[in-house]
Amino acid sequence: MGHKFSYYPDIHGGVIACCGCGRCIKYCPASVDIREIVRKGVELPAAKPETK
């Protein structure tokens, strides 16, 4: 699952391989809706680097 959001974008110019169909939710034993997690992650502001 994680390869669609980390590995694939790293080697393909930032493109996420998830099409948002929701098939993964059907097979997830915890019924996690990864689409919601990604959506919330996109809404978060980018972390600012710490300065010393």
Foldseek 3Di string as FASTA:
>chain_A
DCCQQPVVCVVVVRHRPDPQPQPVLVVDPVSDRVVVVVVVVVVDDDDDDDDD
